């Protein structure tokens, strides 16, 4: 019988060949698709935890997410056949005027690995496209990425557009190199993820380490978080304010 612990290990290591092989073995052995998916999700939870502890960095997270993607592609037909549906649908994009996408892409891959359907709008996304996509796909999460100080203010335009459209039940999460929890609170976002190790754990409640900015009776406002690691979670090196001109 296929070793699902081995699947978890392969994804954590970013071994795409091993991850695909063990997944196919599990499928051939008739393992429950949900148990295979759970093994994959456990791997990404472990990767996220290691990232938060600074044991690994963005490149390692990317290769793990890619291994997860290949394994998931094999499993998807079984999930559909078993009527195992995504836990939620999320819309993600980089704000208008910003063409950076490394962090956004990483988060999208990790959301998919957590059994969340991801509608990726790409870069340079105007507010109305977020609204249209969230409505069309009945999304419960909107992730907004920005890497530049000159574009981050556009996040507020997205928040206002979503609220003006009467979509108050959609959770809006923001992140990026210049973004802080205080800024997220000022523009009316529901949450702020300070790094790439956090924004996929659960679409129904704040992720561990995410700053939940929604008001709660008797609760004190959250303290501003540490600086993000980049985009909706990249490395922050492309902002002109960092005096580093390398592209992303």
C-alpha atoms as a PDB file:
ATOM      1  CA  UNK A   1       0.000   0.000   0.000  1.00  0.00           C
ATOM      2  CA  UNK A   2       1.255   3.489  -0.859  1.00  0.00           C
ATOM      3  CA  UNK A   3       3.001   5.312   1.961  1.00  0.00           C
ATOM      4  CA  UNK A   4       1.185   8.597   2.474  1.00  0.00           C
ATOM      5  CA  UNK A   5       3.836   9.705   4.951  1.00  0.00           C
ATOM      6  CA  UNK A   6       6.221   9.372   2.041  1.00  0.00           C
ATOM      7  CA  UNK A   7       3.978  11.666   0.008  1.00  0.00           C
ATOM      8  CA  UNK A   8       4.092  14.278   2.740  1.00  0.00           C
ATOM      9  CA  UNK A   9       7.883  13.975   2.918  1.00  0.00           C
ATOM     10  CA  UNK A  10       8.286  14.233  -0.856  1.00  0.00           C
ATOM     11  CA  UNK A  11       6.232  17.417  -1.071  1.00  0.00           C
ATOM     12  CA  UNK A  12       8.063  18.989   1.854  1.00  0.00           C
ATOM     13  CA  UNK A  13      11.346  18.226   0.100  1.00  0.00           C
ATOM     14  CA  UNK A  14      10.069  19.599  -3.186  1.00  0.00           C
ATOM     15  CA  UNK A  15      10.673  16.259  -4.915  1.00  0.00           C
ATOM     16  CA  UNK A  16       8.169  16.442  -7.770  1.00  0.00           C
ATOM     17  CA  UNK A  17       9.062  13.026  -9.175  1.00  0.00           C
ATOM     18  CA  UNK A  18       8.611  11.245  -5.852  1.00  0.00           C
ATOM     19  CA  UNK A  19       5.441  13.175  -5.033  1.00  0.00           C
ATOM     20  CA  UNK A  20       3.840  12.214  -8.342  1.00  0.00           C
ATOM     21  CA  UNK A  21       5.001   8.592  -8.032  1.00  0.00           C
ATOM     22  CA  UNK A  22       3.620   8.106  -4.519  1.00  0.00           C
ATOM     23  CA  UNK A  23       0.375   9.843  -5.456  1.00  0.00           C
ATOM     24  CA  UNK A  24      -0.102   7.522  -8.417  1.00  0.00           C
ATOM     25  CA  UNK A  25       0.701   4.510  -6.224  1.00  0.00           C
ATOM     26  CA  UNK A  26      -1.907   5.635  -3.718  1.00  0.00           C
ATOM     27  CA  UNK A  27      -4.463   6.065  -6.488  1.00  0.00           C
ATOM     28  CA  UNK A  28      -3.655   2.636  -7.942  1.00  0.00           C
ATOM     29  CA  UNK A  29      -3.957   1.090  -4.480  1.00  0.00           C
ATOM     30  CA  UNK A  30      -7.454   2.505  -4.092  1.00  0.00           C
ATOM     31  CA  UNK A  31      -6.645   4.856  -1.248  1.00  0.00           C
ATOM     32  CA  UNK A  32      -9.372   7.284  -0.250  1.00  0.00           C
ATOM     33  CA  UNK A  33      -8.852  10.512  -2.237  1.00  0.00           C
ATOM     34  CA  UNK A  34      -9.509  12.579   0.885  1.00  0.00           C
ATOM     35  CA  UNK A  35      -6.708  10.806   2.758  1.00  0.00           C
ATOM     36  CA  UNK A  36      -4.315  11.524  -0.112  1.00  0.00           C
ATOM     37  CA  UNK A  37      -5.353  15.156  -0.111  1.00  0.00           C
ATOM     38  CA  UNK A  38      -4.914  15.327   3.655  1.00  0.00           C
ATOM     39  CA  UNK A  39      -1.332  14.071   3.293  1.00  0.00           C
ATOM     40  CA  UNK A  40      -0.635  16.816   0.769  1.00  0.00           C
ATOM     41  CA  UNK A  41      -2.173  19.500   2.963  1.00  0.00           C
ATOM     42  CA  UNK A  42      -0.158  18.300   5.953  1.00  0.00           C
ATOM     43  CA  UNK A  43       2.988  18.769   3.903  1.00  0.00           C
ATOM     44  CA  UNK A  44       2.169  22.366   3.100  1.00  0.00           C
ATOM     45  CA  UNK A  45       1.254  23.072   6.720  1.00  0.00           C
ATOM     46  CA  UNK A  46       4.681  21.763   7.718  1.00  0.00           C
ATOM     47  CA  UNK A  47       6.353  23.877   5.043  1.00  0.00           C
ATOM     48  CA  UNK A  48       4.530  26.959   6.282  1.00  0.00           C
ATOM     49  CA  UNK A  49       5.565  26.288   9.842  1.00  0.00           C
ATOM     50  CA  UNK A  50       9.208  25.896   8.854  1.00  0.00           C
ATOM     51  CA  UNK A  51       9.048  29.136   6.905  1.00  0.00           C
ATOM     52  CA  UNK A  52       7.670  30.990   9.923  1.00  0.00           C
ATOM     53  CA  UNK A  53      10.542  29.636  12.010  1.00  0.00           C
ATOM     54  CA  UNK A  54      13.044  30.838   9.379  1.00  0.00           C
ATOM     55  CA  UNK A  55      14.175  27.275   8.732  1.00  0.00           C
ATOM     56  CA  UNK A  56      13.424  27.619   5.015  1.00  0.00           C
ATOM     57  CA  UNK A  57      12.858  30.534   2.668  1.00  0.00           C
ATOM     58  CA  UNK A  58      10.795  31.479  -0.397  1.00  0.00           C
ATOM     59  CA  UNK A  59      12.699  29.248  -2.885  1.00  0.00           C
ATOM     60  CA  UNK A  60      12.075  26.165  -0.759  1.00  0.00           C
ATOM     61  CA  UNK A  61       8.415  27.069  -0.440  1.00  0.00           C
ATOM     62  CA  UNK A  62       8.169  27.427  -4.212  1.00  0.00           C
ATOM     63  CA  UNK A  63       9.631  24.014  -4.978  1.00  0.00           C
ATOM     64  CA  UNK A  64       7.371  22.403  -2.360  1.00  0.00           C
ATOM     65  CA  UNK A  65       4.343  24.117  -3.885  1.00  0.00           C
ATOM     66  CA  UNK A  66       5.347  22.911  -7.350  1.00  0.00           C
ATOM     67  CA  UNK A  67       5.655  19.342  -6.104  1.00  0.00           C
ATOM     68  CA  UNK A  68       2.219  19.731  -4.571  1.00  0.00           C
ATOM     69  CA  UNK A  69       0.866  21.036  -7.879  1.00  0.00           C
ATOM     70  CA  UNK A  70       2.054  17.993  -9.821  1.00  0.00           C
ATOM     71  CA  UNK A  71       0.659  15.586  -7.256  1.00  0.00           C
ATOM     72  CA  UNK A  72      -2.647  17.445  -7.113  1.00  0.00           C
ATOM     73  CA  UNK A  73      -3.023  17.260 -10.896  1.00  0.00           C
ATOM     74  CA  UNK A  74      -3.083  13.462 -10.636  1.00  0.00           C
ATOM     75  CA  UNK A  75      -5.582  13.515  -7.792  1.00  0.00           C
ATOM     76  CA  UNK A  76      -8.035  16.071  -9.149  1.00  0.00           C
ATOM     77  CA  UNK A  77     -10.108  13.654 -11.298  1.00  0.00           C
ATOM     78  CA  UNK A  78     -10.674  11.434  -8.246  1.00  0.00           C
ATOM     79  CA  UNK A  79     -11.677  14.387  -6.106  1.00  0.00           C
ATOM     80  CA  UNK A  80     -14.259  15.379  -8.693  1.00  0.00           C
ATOM     81  CA  UNK A  81     -15.545  11.817  -8.980  1.00  0.00           C
ATOM     82  CA  UNK A  82     -15.806  11.540  -5.196  1.00  0.00           C
ATOM     83  CA  UNK A  83     -17.588  14.907  -5.037  1.00  0.00           C
ATOM     84  CA  UNK A  84     -14.859  16.277  -2.782  1.00  0.00           C
ATOM     85  CA  UNK A  85     -15.212  19.981  -3.341  1.00  0.00           C
ATOM     86  CA  UNK A  86     -12.810  22.811  -2.571  1.00  0.00           C
ATOM     87  CA  UNK A  87     -13.181  24.205   0.930  1.00  0.00           C
ATOM     88  CA  UNK A  88     -13.695  27.669  -0.546  1.00  0.00           C
ATOM     89  CA  UNK A  89     -12.991  29.807  -3.583  1.00  0.00           C
ATOM     90  CA  UNK A  90     -10.458  32.629  -3.517  1.00  0.00           C
ATOM     91  CA  UNK A  91      -9.755  35.414  -5.982  1.00  0.00           C
ATOM     92  CA  UNK A  92      -6.197  36.695  -6.031  1.00  0.00           C
ATOM     93  CA  UNK A  93      -4.405  39.392  -7.989  1.00  0.00           C
ATOM     94  CA  UNK A  94      -1.779  42.107  -7.950  1.00  0.00           C
ATOM     95  CA  UNK A  95      -3.256  45.578  -7.634  1.00  0.00           C
ATOM     96  CA  UNK A  96      -3.636  47.970 -10.578  1.00  0.00           C
ATOM     97  CA  UNK A  97      -0.362  49.511 -11.711  1.00  0.00           C
ATOM     98  CA  UNK A  98       1.793  46.738 -10.235  1.00  0.00           C
ATOM     99  CA  UNK A  99       3.266  43.986 -12.420  1.00  0.00           C
ATOM    100  CA  UNK A 100       4.974  41.899  -9.730  1.00  0.00           C
ATOM    101  CA  UNK A 101       3.657  38.379  -9.300  1.00  0.00           C
ATOM    102  CA  UNK A 102       6.189  36.052  -7.662  1.00  0.00           C
ATOM    103  CA  UNK A 103       4.622  36.240  -4.216  1.00  0.00           C
ATOM    104  CA  UNK A 104       1.082  36.176  -5.595  1.00  0.00           C
ATOM    105  CA  UNK A 105       1.866  33.043  -7.546  1.00  0.00           C
ATOM    106  CA  UNK A 106       3.358  31.375  -4.487  1.00  0.00           C
ATOM    107  CA  UNK A 107       0.294  32.092  -2.390  1.00  0.00           C
ATOM    108  CA  UNK A 108      -1.990  30.863  -5.169  1.00  0.00           C
ATOM    109  CA  UNK A 109      -0.143  27.558  -5.360  1.00  0.00           C
ATOM    110  CA  UNK A 110      -0.299  27.099  -1.618  1.00  0.00           C
ATOM    111  CA  UNK A 111      -3.998  27.906  -1.493  1.00  0.00           C
ATOM    112  CA  UNK A 112      -4.598  25.252  -4.139  1.00  0.00           C
ATOM    113  CA  UNK A 113      -2.637  22.841  -2.014  1.00  0.00           C
ATOM    114  CA  UNK A 114      -5.001  23.543   0.867  1.00  0.00           C
ATOM    115  CA  UNK A 115      -8.009  22.522  -1.258  1.00  0.00           C
ATOM    116  CA  UNK A 116      -9.004  26.081  -2.080  1.00  0.00           C
ATOM    117  CA  UNK A 117     -10.082  26.881  -5.619  1.00  0.00           C
ATOM    118  CA  UNK A 118      -8.011  29.829  -6.835  1.00  0.00           C
ATOM    119  CA  UNK A 119      -9.079  32.332  -9.463  1.00  0.00           C
ATOM    120  CA  UNK A 120      -5.835  34.103 -10.398  1.00  0.00           C
ATOM    121  CA  UNK A 121      -6.464  37.456 -12.056  1.00  0.00           C
ATOM    122  CA  UNK A 122      -2.789  38.097 -12.739  1.00  0.00           C
ATOM    123  CA  UNK A 123      -1.185  41.517 -12.362  1.00  0.00           C
ATOM    124  CA  UNK A 124      -2.307  45.119 -12.900  1.00  0.00           C
ATOM    125  CA  UNK A 125      -5.836  44.247 -11.791  1.00  0.00           C
ATOM    126  CA  UNK A 126      -8.375  47.104 -11.493  1.00  0.00           C
ATOM    127  CA  UNK A 127     -10.901  47.079  -8.628  1.00  0.00           C
ATOM    128  CA  UNK A 128     -13.864  46.136 -10.808  1.00  0.00           C
ATOM    129  CA  UNK A 129     -12.201  42.920 -11.924  1.00  0.00           C
ATOM    130  CA  UNK A 130     -11.862  41.724  -8.335  1.00  0.00           C
ATOM    131  CA  UNK A 131     -15.560  42.431  -7.808  1.00  0.00           C
ATOM    132  CA  UNK A 132     -16.621  40.742 -11.030  1.00  0.00           C
ATOM    133  CA  UNK A 133     -14.525  37.642 -10.397  1.00  0.00           C
ATOM    134  CA  UNK A 134     -15.616  37.295  -6.777  1.00  0.00           C
ATOM    135  CA  UNK A 135     -19.263  37.560  -7.788  1.00  0.00           C
ATOM    136  CA  UNK A 136     -18.963  35.209 -10.779  1.00  0.00           C
ATOM    137  CA  UNK A 137     -17.166  32.494  -8.831  1.00  0.00           C
ATOM    138  CA  UNK A 138     -18.933  33.035  -5.498  1.00  0.00           C
ATOM    139  CA  UNK A 139     -15.575  33.662  -3.837  1.00  0.00           C
ATOM    140  CA  UNK A 140     -15.308  34.033  -0.088  1.00  0.00           C
ATOM    141  CA  UNK A 141     -11.731  35.332  -0.083  1.00  0.00           C
ATOM    142  CA  UNK A 142     -10.013  38.094  -2.014  1.00  0.00           C
ATOM    143  CA  UNK A 143      -6.229  38.337  -1.810  1.00  0.00           C
ATOM    144  CA  UNK A 144      -4.680  41.639  -2.894  1.00  0.00           C
ATOM    145  CA  UNK A 145      -0.958  41.911  -3.555  1.00  0.00           C
ATOM    146  CA  UNK A 146       1.217  45.006  -3.951  1.00  0.00           C
ATOM    147  CA  UNK A 147       4.970  45.371  -3.962  1.00  0.00           C
ATOM    148  CA  UNK A 148       5.346  49.092  -4.621  1.00  0.00           C
ATOM    149  CA  UNK A 149       4.623  51.990  -2.308  1.00  0.00           C
ATOM    150  CA  UNK A 150       3.215  53.787  -5.340  1.00  0.00           C
ATOM    151  CA  UNK A 151       0.602  51.082  -5.968  1.00  0.00           C
ATOM    152  CA  UNK A 152      -0.334  49.924  -2.484  1.00  0.00           C
ATOM    153  CA  UNK A 153      -2.837  52.750  -2.113  1.00  0.00           C
ATOM    154  CA  UNK A 154      -4.879  51.060  -4.841  1.00  0.00           C
ATOM    155  CA  UNK A 155      -5.724  48.346  -2.339  1.00  0.00           C
ATOM    156  CA  UNK A 156      -8.117  50.762  -0.688  1.00  0.00           C
ATOM    157  CA  UNK A 157      -9.900  51.210  -4.001  1.00  0.00           C
ATOM    158  CA  UNK A 158     -10.433  47.454  -4.201  1.00  0.00           C
ATOM    159  CA  UNK A 159     -11.778  47.280  -0.656  1.00  0.00           C
ATOM    160  CA  UNK A 160     -14.218  50.106  -1.344  1.00  0.00           C
ATOM    161  CA  UNK A 161     -15.353  48.540  -4.616  1.00  0.00           C
ATOM    162  CA  UNK A 162     -16.042  45.212  -2.932  1.00  0.00           C
ATOM    163  CA  UNK A 163     -17.956  46.810  -0.061  1.00  0.00           C
ATOM    164  CA  UNK A 164     -19.885  49.133  -2.382  1.00  0.00           C
ATOM    165  CA  UNK A 165     -20.952  46.045  -4.335  1.00  0.00           C
ATOM    166  CA  UNK A 166     -22.612  44.716  -1.174  1.00  0.00           C
ATOM    167  CA  UNK A 167     -20.145  41.869  -0.735  1.00  0.00           C
ATOM    168  CA  UNK A 168     -19.630  42.269   2.963  1.00  0.00           C
ATOM    169  CA  UNK A 169     -19.280  38.530   3.513  1.00  0.00           C
ATOM    170  CA  UNK A 170     -16.128  38.356   1.373  1.00  0.00           C
ATOM    171  CA  UNK A 171     -12.945  38.312   3.434  1.00  0.00           C
ATOM    172  CA  UNK A 172     -10.283  40.665   2.037  1.00  0.00           C
ATOM    173  CA  UNK A 173      -6.667  39.860   2.872  1.00  0.00           C
ATOM    174  CA  UNK A 174      -3.803  42.152   1.882  1.00  0.00           C
ATOM    175  CA  UNK A 175      -0.056  41.780   1.958  1.00  0.00           C
ATOM    176  CA  UNK A 176       3.168  42.974   0.399  1.00  0.00           C
ATOM    177  CA  UNK A 177       6.513  44.578   1.094  1.00  0.00           C
ATOM    178  CA  UNK A 178       5.253  48.097   1.851  1.00  0.00           C
ATOM    179  CA  UNK A 179       2.033  46.943   3.528  1.00  0.00           C
ATOM    180  CA  UNK A 180       1.581  46.955   7.300  1.00  0.00           C
ATOM    181  CA  UNK A 181      -1.246  45.860   9.551  1.00  0.00           C
ATOM    182  CA  UNK A 182      -1.928  49.504  10.354  1.00  0.00           C
ATOM    183  CA  UNK A 183      -2.291  50.350   6.670  1.00  0.00           C
ATOM    184  CA  UNK A 184      -4.533  47.335   6.141  1.00  0.00           C
ATOM    185  CA  UNK A 185      -6.725  48.489   9.013  1.00  0.00           C
ATOM    186  CA  UNK A 186      -6.906  52.024   7.619  1.00  0.00           C
ATOM    187  CA  UNK A 187      -8.198  50.866   4.227  1.00  0.00           C
ATOM    188  CA  UNK A 188     -10.778  48.552   5.791  1.00  0.00           C
ATOM    189  CA  UNK A 189      -9.262  45.176   4.924  1.00  0.00           C
ATOM    190  CA  UNK A 190     -10.348  42.197   7.015  1.00  0.00           C
ATOM    191  CA  UNK A 191      -6.872  40.844   7.527  1.00  0.00           C
ATOM    192  CA  UNK A 192      -3.179  41.186   6.850  1.00  0.00           C
ATOM    193  CA  UNK A 193      -0.726  38.359   6.279  1.00  0.00           C
ATOM    194  CA  UNK A 194       2.823  39.409   7.123  1.00  0.00           C
ATOM    195  CA  UNK A 195       4.585  36.645   5.212  1.00  0.00           C
ATOM    196  CA  UNK A 196       4.157  33.790   2.780  1.00  0.00           C
ATOM    197  CA  UNK A 197       4.041  31.116   5.465  1.00  0.00           C
ATOM    198  CA  UNK A 198       0.573  32.001   6.662  1.00  0.00           C
ATOM    199  CA  UNK A 199      -2.104  32.834   4.091  1.00  0.00           C
ATOM    200  CA  UNK A 200      -3.609  29.486   3.269  1.00  0.00           C
ATOM    201  CA  UNK A 201      -4.409  27.686   6.496  1.00  0.00           C
ATOM    202  CA  UNK A 202      -8.179  28.237   6.577  1.00  0.00           C
ATOM    203  CA  UNK A 203     -10.532  30.398   4.571  1.00  0.00           C
ATOM    204  CA  UNK A 204     -13.115  30.499   7.336  1.00  0.00           C
ATOM    205  CA  UNK A 205     -11.078  32.073  10.122  1.00  0.00           C
ATOM    206  CA  UNK A 206      -7.885  34.127  10.461  1.00  0.00           C
ATOM    207  CA  UNK A 207      -4.789  32.147   9.614  1.00  0.00           C
ATOM    208  CA  UNK A 208      -2.260  31.569  12.380  1.00  0.00           C
ATOM    209  CA  UNK A 209      -0.151  34.697  12.464  1.00  0.00           C
ATOM    210  CA  UNK A 210      -2.536  36.668  10.272  1.00  0.00           C
ATOM    211  CA  UNK A 211      -3.793  39.856  11.868  1.00  0.00           C
ATOM    212  CA  UNK A 212      -7.573  39.752  11.944  1.00  0.00           C
ATOM    213  CA  UNK A 213      -8.622  43.371  11.529  1.00  0.00           C
ATOM    214  CA  UNK A 214     -12.357  42.954  11.862  1.00  0.00           C
ATOM    215  CA  UNK A 215     -13.828  44.462  15.038  1.00  0.00           C
ATOM    216  CA  UNK A 216     -14.770  42.114  17.839  1.00  0.00           C
ATOM    217  CA  UNK A 217     -16.763  43.176  20.917  1.00  0.00           C
ATOM    218  CA  UNK A 218     -14.415  43.988  23.774  1.00  0.00           C
ATOM    219  CA  UNK A 219     -11.335  43.170  21.753  1.00  0.00           C
ATOM    220  CA  UNK A 220      -8.286  45.401  21.657  1.00  0.00           C
ATOM    221  CA  UNK A 221      -7.047  46.385  18.209  1.00  0.00           C
ATOM    222  CA  UNK A 222      -4.168  44.251  16.966  1.00  0.00           C
ATOM    223  CA  UNK A 223      -0.676  45.632  17.087  1.00  0.00           C
ATOM    224  CA  UNK A 224       1.045  46.391  13.794  1.00  0.00           C
ATOM    225  CA  UNK A 225       2.856  43.361  12.435  1.00  0.00           C
ATOM    226  CA  UNK A 226       6.401  43.072  11.285  1.00  0.00           C
ATOM    227  CA  UNK A 227       7.284  44.031   7.714  1.00  0.00           C
ATOM    228  CA  UNK A 228       6.092  41.592   5.062  1.00  0.00           C
ATOM    229  CA  UNK A 229       8.550  39.500   3.092  1.00  0.00           C
ATOM    230  CA  UNK A 230       7.370  40.809  -0.263  1.00  0.00           C
ATOM    231  CA  UNK A 231       4.370  41.027  -2.637  1.00  0.00           C
ATOM    232  CA  UNK A 232       1.281  39.150  -1.296  1.00  0.00           C
ATOM    233  CA  UNK A 233       4.112  37.536   0.073  1.00  0.00           C
ATOM    234  CA  UNK A 234       7.333  37.665  -1.925  1.00  0.00           C
ATOM    235  CA  UNK A 235      10.669  39.180  -1.008  1.00  0.00           C
ATOM    236  CA  UNK A 236      10.166  42.932  -1.242  1.00  0.00           C
ATOM    237  CA  UNK A 237      13.327  43.583  -3.227  1.00  0.00           C
ATOM    238  CA  UNK A 238      11.654  45.274  -6.184  1.00  0.00           C
ATOM    239  CA  UNK A 239      10.315  48.340  -4.357  1.00  0.00           C
ATOM    240  CA  UNK A 240      12.347  51.390  -5.401  1.00  0.00           C
ATOM    241  CA  UNK A 241      12.278  52.417  -1.761  1.00  0.00           C
ATOM    242  CA  UNK A 242      14.589  49.519  -0.934  1.00  0.00           C
ATOM    243  CA  UNK A 243      17.306  50.910  -3.222  1.00  0.00           C
ATOM    244  CA  UNK A 244      17.509  47.532  -4.948  1.00  0.00           C
ATOM    245  CA  UNK A 245      16.616  47.555  -8.641  1.00  0.00           C
ATOM    246  CA  UNK A 246      16.483  43.817  -9.259  1.00  0.00           C
ATOM    247  CA  UNK A 247      13.355  42.752 -11.089  1.00  0.00           C
ATOM    248  CA  UNK A 248      10.690  40.331  -9.868  1.00  0.00           C
END
